């Protein structure tokens, strides 16, 4: 029993751009995209946390990453993971 390939013909009509998208006057600014309110992505939160932690250590508010780990009730390894995300 042999299988022969089939050929299917499907109609295809490419979508055309609207005239307003094709010819924009120079200097025209489009409206910013509408961003839905909701949760901030986890990677963004971790990056912000890492940057803030680095600022606190650099400013001398917190002595070192070990003190930061104690303050945050996490392990030193976890602080290292968070800080490395920002690098």
C-alpha atoms as a PDB file:
ATOM      1  CA  UNK A   1       0.000   0.000   0.000  1.00  0.00           C
ATOM      2  CA  UNK A   2       1.622   3.253  -1.106  1.00  0.00           C
ATOM      3  CA  UNK A   3       0.700   6.720  -0.047  1.00  0.00           C
ATOM      4  CA  UNK A   4       0.592   9.423  -2.675  1.00  0.00           C
ATOM      5  CA  UNK A   5       1.019  13.056  -1.701  1.00  0.00           C
ATOM      6  CA  UNK A   6      -2.004  15.306  -2.027  1.00  0.00           C
ATOM      7  CA  UNK A   7      -2.015  18.816  -3.375  1.00  0.00           C
ATOM      8  CA  UNK A   8      -4.471  21.215  -1.882  1.00  0.00           C
ATOM      9  CA  UNK A   9      -5.264  24.561  -3.383  1.00  0.00           C
ATOM     10  CA  UNK A  10      -6.453  27.228  -0.964  1.00  0.00           C
ATOM     11  CA  UNK A  11      -7.380  30.785  -1.871  1.00  0.00           C
ATOM     12  CA  UNK A  12      -5.022  33.366  -0.368  1.00  0.00           C
ATOM     13  CA  UNK A  13      -5.466  37.100  -0.430  1.00  0.00           C
ATOM     14  CA  UNK A  14      -2.810  39.125   1.391  1.00  0.00           C
ATOM     15  CA  UNK A  15      -4.077  41.921   3.580  1.00  0.00           C
ATOM     16  CA  UNK A  16      -3.334  45.415   2.397  1.00  0.00           C
ATOM     17  CA  UNK A  17      -2.205  48.131   4.725  1.00  0.00           C
ATOM     18  CA  UNK A  18      -4.554  50.950   5.428  1.00  0.00           C
ATOM     19  CA  UNK A  19      -3.722  54.235   3.745  1.00  0.00           C
ATOM     20  CA  UNK A  20      -3.065  55.879   7.123  1.00  0.00           C
ATOM     21  CA  UNK A  21      -0.302  53.351   7.874  1.00  0.00           C
ATOM     22  CA  UNK A  22       1.364  53.636   4.489  1.00  0.00           C
ATOM     23  CA  UNK A  23       1.868  57.405   4.266  1.00  0.00           C
ATOM     24  CA  UNK A  24       2.508  59.158   7.542  1.00  0.00           C
ATOM     25  CA  UNK A  25       3.615  62.746   7.438  1.00  0.00           C
ATOM     26  CA  UNK A  26       7.128  63.330   8.793  1.00  0.00           C
ATOM     27  CA  UNK A  27       7.157  64.051  12.508  1.00  0.00           C
ATOM     28  CA  UNK A  28       3.765  62.458  13.088  1.00  0.00           C
ATOM     29  CA  UNK A  29       3.556  60.630  16.373  1.00  0.00           C
ATOM     30  CA  UNK A  30       1.251  57.693  16.828  1.00  0.00           C
ATOM     31  CA  UNK A  31      -0.664  57.189  20.047  1.00  0.00           C
ATOM     32  CA  UNK A  32       1.165  55.060  22.633  1.00  0.00           C
ATOM     33  CA  UNK A  33      -0.067  51.474  22.847  1.00  0.00           C
ATOM     34  CA  UNK A  34      -2.697  50.807  25.448  1.00  0.00           C
ATOM     35  CA  UNK A  35      -1.061  48.848  28.267  1.00  0.00           C
ATOM     36  CA  UNK A  36      -3.456  46.770  30.325  1.00  0.00           C
ATOM     37  CA  UNK A  37      -3.277  47.203  34.063  1.00  0.00           C
ATOM     38  CA  UNK A  38      -2.321  44.113  35.960  1.00  0.00           C
ATOM     39  CA  UNK A  39       0.641  42.251  37.339  1.00  0.00           C
ATOM     40  CA  UNK A  40       4.171  43.325  36.612  1.00  0.00           C
ATOM     41  CA  UNK A  41       6.204  40.472  35.096  1.00  0.00           C
ATOM     42  CA  UNK A  42       8.349  38.609  37.611  1.00  0.00           C
ATOM     43  CA  UNK A  43      11.595  39.284  35.776  1.00  0.00           C
ATOM     44  CA  UNK A  44      10.881  43.030  35.906  1.00  0.00           C
ATOM     45  CA  UNK A  45      10.248  42.874  39.653  1.00  0.00           C
ATOM     46  CA  UNK A  46      13.469  40.917  40.239  1.00  0.00           C
ATOM     47  CA  UNK A  47      15.468  43.341  38.135  1.00  0.00           C
ATOM     48  CA  UNK A  48      14.090  46.306  40.087  1.00  0.00           C
ATOM     49  CA  UNK A  49      14.865  44.525  43.365  1.00  0.00           C
ATOM     50  CA  UNK A  50      18.415  43.751  42.256  1.00  0.00           C
ATOM     51  CA  UNK A  51      19.065  47.339  41.215  1.00  0.00           C
ATOM     52  CA  UNK A  52      17.691  48.671  44.497  1.00  0.00           C
ATOM     53  CA  UNK A  53      19.808  46.241  46.514  1.00  0.00           C
ATOM     54  CA  UNK A  54      22.944  47.264  44.625  1.00  0.00           C
ATOM     55  CA  UNK A  55      22.143  50.930  45.289  1.00  0.00           C
ATOM     56  CA  UNK A  56      21.736  50.293  49.024  1.00  0.00           C
ATOM     57  CA  UNK A  57      25.066  48.466  49.247  1.00  0.00           C
ATOM     58  CA  UNK A  58      26.868  51.062  47.090  1.00  0.00           C
ATOM     59  CA  UNK A  59      25.507  53.926  49.209  1.00  0.00           C
ATOM     60  CA  UNK A  60      26.624  52.221  52.419  1.00  0.00           C
ATOM     61  CA  UNK A  61      23.102  51.930  53.823  1.00  0.00           C
ATOM     62  CA  UNK A  62      23.643  48.169  54.050  1.00  0.00           C
ATOM     63  CA  UNK A  63      27.148  46.900  54.799  1.00  0.00           C
ATOM     64  CA  UNK A  64      27.267  43.941  52.407  1.00  0.00           C
ATOM     65  CA  UNK A  65      25.214  41.243  50.702  1.00  0.00           C
ATOM     66  CA  UNK A  66      25.337  39.016  53.786  1.00  0.00           C
ATOM     67  CA  UNK A  67      23.613  41.738  55.809  1.00  0.00           C
ATOM     68  CA  UNK A  68      21.137  42.151  52.977  1.00  0.00           C
ATOM     69  CA  UNK A  69      20.362  38.423  53.090  1.00  0.00           C
ATOM     70  CA  UNK A  70      19.762  38.590  56.831  1.00  0.00           C
ATOM     71  CA  UNK A  71      17.547  41.638  56.435  1.00  0.00           C
ATOM     72  CA  UNK A  72      15.506  39.987  53.675  1.00  0.00           C
ATOM     73  CA  UNK A  73      15.257  36.622  55.470  1.00  0.00           C
ATOM     74  CA  UNK A  74      16.772  34.805  52.501  1.00  0.00           C
ATOM     75  CA  UNK A  75      19.982  32.889  51.972  1.00  0.00           C
ATOM     76  CA  UNK A  76      23.183  34.476  50.730  1.00  0.00           C
ATOM     77  CA  UNK A  77      22.928  32.300  47.642  1.00  0.00           C
ATOM     78  CA  UNK A  78      19.496  33.747  46.834  1.00  0.00           C
ATOM     79  CA  UNK A  79      20.814  37.302  47.160  1.00  0.00           C
ATOM     80  CA  UNK A  80      23.619  36.373  44.771  1.00  0.00           C
ATOM     81  CA  UNK A  81      21.077  34.995  42.282  1.00  0.00           C
ATOM     82  CA  UNK A  82      19.017  38.174  42.446  1.00  0.00           C
ATOM     83  CA  UNK A  83      22.028  40.449  42.087  1.00  0.00           C
ATOM     84  CA  UNK A  84      23.367  38.454  39.132  1.00  0.00           C
ATOM     85  CA  UNK A  85      20.061  38.999  37.293  1.00  0.00           C
ATOM     86  CA  UNK A  86      20.867  42.710  37.095  1.00  0.00           C
ATOM     87  CA  UNK A  87      24.381  42.196  35.794  1.00  0.00           C
END
